[in-house]
């Protein structure tokens, strides 16, 4: 009986597996301690107002688009703060020679650009801020046409 009860915490707090059919994008590695809760691929075709240092600019985003939703593992002892998550993600982008392009109007989601192997990408990091922050994040990566 003792063995059964000692295994219960492992059963209830086992690591979550990535959603079926989802795997990390080869350009952006996941943050440690996270799993992919969902992913989807759709063509992108939208105009977004982007705030840049020089003012607001309407940018047309078009191309192959994939969104990845990451959540912290339930047994993760220390979850990243919102600021830490944003900083860690930006450091990943910078290591790929990417740069901040601007932020979306309204939500203030950072939009990054990366070029690799002759392809250009936009990456939009979406985090629900403030009191609604849960430690999870979503990013959409759009391969420019």
Protein backbone atom coordinates (compact mmCIF):
# COMPACT_ATOMS: atom_id res chain seq x y z
CA UNK A 1 0.00 0.00 0.00
CA UNK A 2 2.85 2.38 0.78
CA UNK A 3 4.25 1.89 -2.70
CA UNK A 4 0.91 2.77 -4.29
CA UNK A 5 0.60 6.00 -2.30
CA UNK A 6 4.20 6.97 -2.97
CA UNK A 7 3.54 6.70 -6.72
CA UNK A 8 0.45 8.91 -6.66
CA UNK A 9 2.35 12.22 -6.80
CA UNK A 10 4.29 10.95 -9.83
CA UNK A 11 1.04 10.00 -11.55
CA UNK A 12 -0.67 13.32 -10.89
CA UNK A 13 2.36 15.49 -11.60
CA UNK A 14 3.89 13.64 -14.52
CA UNK A 15 5.21 15.71 -17.37
CA UNK A 16 2.74 16.77 -20.02
CA UNK A 17 3.43 15.52 -23.52
CA UNK A 18 3.41 17.70 -26.62
CA UNK A 19 0.08 17.86 -28.43
CA UNK A 20 -0.35 15.26 -31.16
CA UNK A 21 1.26 16.28 -34.43
CA UNK A 22 3.13 19.23 -32.88
CA UNK A 23 6.88 19.66 -32.80
CA UNK A 24 9.08 22.68 -32.26
CA UNK A 25 9.80 24.94 -35.20
CA UNK A 26 13.42 24.31 -36.29
CA UNK A 27 14.19 28.03 -35.99
CA UNK A 28 12.98 28.64 -32.41
CA UNK A 29 13.78 26.19 -29.60
CA UNK A 30 11.34 25.91 -26.73
CA UNK A 31 12.03 27.42 -23.36
CA UNK A 32 13.12 24.80 -20.78
CA UNK A 33 10.29 23.33 -18.70
CA UNK A 34 7.56 23.92 -21.30
CA UNK A 35 5.48 21.64 -23.50
CA UNK A 36 3.51 22.33 -26.69
CA UNK A 37 -0.18 22.49 -25.77
CA UNK A 38 -1.33 23.14 -29.35
CA UNK A 39 -0.14 24.15 -32.79
CA UNK A 40 -1.76 25.06 -36.07
CA UNK A 41 -0.69 26.03 -39.56
CA UNK A 42 -2.68 28.48 -41.65
CA UNK A 43 -1.81 30.87 -44.44
CA UNK A 44 -1.24 34.39 -43.14
CA UNK A 45 -2.69 37.41 -44.83
CA UNK A 46 -3.34 40.37 -42.57
CA UNK A 47 -2.50 44.00 -42.07
CA UNK A 48 -1.29 44.93 -38.60
CA UNK A 49 -0.43 48.29 -37.12
CA UNK A 50 3.12 48.03 -35.80
CA UNK A 51 4.59 50.60 -33.45
CA UNK A 52 8.20 51.36 -34.33
CA UNK A 53 10.64 53.99 -33.10
CA UNK A 54 9.62 56.26 -35.97
CA UNK A 55 5.86 55.90 -35.36
CA UNK A 56 3.07 53.51 -36.26
CA UNK A 57 3.24 51.69 -39.58
CA UNK A 58 0.68 49.35 -41.18
CA UNK A 59 2.48 46.19 -42.28
CA UNK A 60 1.05 43.46 -44.50
CA UNK A 61 1.90 39.99 -43.17
CA UNK A 62 1.58 37.22 -45.74
CA UNK A 63 3.03 33.74 -46.00
CA UNK A 64 3.09 30.31 -44.41
CA UNK A 65 2.06 30.79 -40.80
CA UNK A 66 2.34 28.42 -37.84
CA UNK A 67 1.31 29.14 -34.26
CA UNK A 68 2.75 27.30 -31.27
CA UNK A 69 1.15 27.40 -27.81
CA UNK A 70 3.50 26.54 -24.94
CA UNK A 71 2.56 25.92 -21.32
CA UNK A 72 4.80 25.34 -18.31
CA UNK A 73 5.03 21.75 -17.12
CA UNK A 74 2.79 21.28 -14.06
CA UNK A 75 5.75 20.13 -11.95
CA UNK A 76 7.92 23.12 -12.91
CA UNK A 77 9.11 24.42 -9.54
CA UNK A 78 9.82 27.99 -10.58
CA UNK A 79 7.81 29.52 -13.39
CA UNK A 80 9.26 32.40 -15.37
CA UNK A 81 7.88 35.84 -14.70
CA UNK A 82 6.40 37.70 -17.64
CA UNK A 83 9.54 39.85 -17.92
CA UNK A 84 11.83 36.79 -17.77
CA UNK A 85 9.82 34.98 -20.44
CA UNK A 86 9.94 38.00 -22.77
CA UNK A 87 13.67 38.44 -22.16
CA UNK A 88 14.49 34.76 -22.67
CA UNK A 89 12.51 34.66 -25.93
CA UNK A 90 14.20 37.81 -27.19
CA UNK A 91 17.63 36.32 -26.38
CA UNK A 92 16.74 33.24 -28.47
CA UNK A 93 15.82 35.50 -31.39
CA UNK A 94 19.02 37.54 -31.02
CA UNK A 95 21.13 34.34 -31.05
CA UNK A 96 19.55 33.63 -34.44
CA UNK A 97 20.68 37.12 -35.59
CA UNK A 98 17.09 38.31 -35.38
CA UNK A 99 15.94 41.75 -34.29
CA UNK A 100 12.92 43.49 -32.85
CA UNK A 101 10.85 44.91 -35.72
CA UNK A 102 8.27 46.67 -33.52
CA UNK A 103 5.27 45.90 -31.31
CA UNK A 104 1.64 45.37 -32.21
CA UNK A 105 -0.77 48.19 -31.55
CA UNK A 106 -3.04 47.43 -28.60
CA UNK A 107 -1.59 44.22 -27.15
CA UNK A 108 2.02 45.44 -27.43
CA UNK A 109 3.19 42.01 -28.62
CA UNK A 110 6.78 42.11 -29.87
CA UNK A 111 7.31 41.36 -33.56
CA UNK A 112 10.75 40.08 -34.55
CA UNK A 113 12.40 39.47 -37.91
CA UNK A 114 14.88 36.70 -38.70
CA UNK A 115 16.57 35.72 -41.96
CA UNK A 116 17.94 32.22 -42.38
CA UNK A 117 18.94 30.17 -45.40
CA UNK A 118 17.60 32.78 -47.81
CA UNK A 119 14.19 32.88 -46.10
CA UNK A 120 12.72 35.75 -44.11
CA UNK A 121 10.46 35.31 -41.11
CA UNK A 122 8.31 37.40 -38.80
CA UNK A 123 7.79 36.10 -35.29
CA UNK A 124 5.03 37.49 -33.10
CA UNK A 125 5.32 36.66 -29.39
CA UNK A 126 1.92 36.64 -27.70
CA UNK A 127 1.74 36.71 -23.90
CA UNK A 128 -1.32 37.59 -21.90
CA UNK A 129 0.05 40.31 -19.60
CA UNK A 130 -0.44 41.47 -16.04
CA UNK A 131 -2.83 39.74 -13.69
CA UNK A 132 -3.89 37.33 -16.46
CA UNK A 133 -0.34 36.05 -17.01
CA UNK A 134 -0.21 32.26 -16.48
CA UNK A 135 3.34 31.48 -17.53
CA UNK A 136 2.20 30.29 -20.95
CA UNK A 137 3.06 31.88 -24.28
CA UNK A 138 2.19 31.61 -27.94
CA UNK A 139 4.25 32.61 -30.90
CA UNK A 140 3.30 32.78 -34.54
CA UNK A 141 6.04 32.42 -37.09
CA UNK A 142 5.33 33.61 -40.60
CA UNK A 143 7.59 32.70 -43.48
CA UNK A 144 7.40 35.68 -45.82
CA UNK A 145 6.33 35.04 -49.40
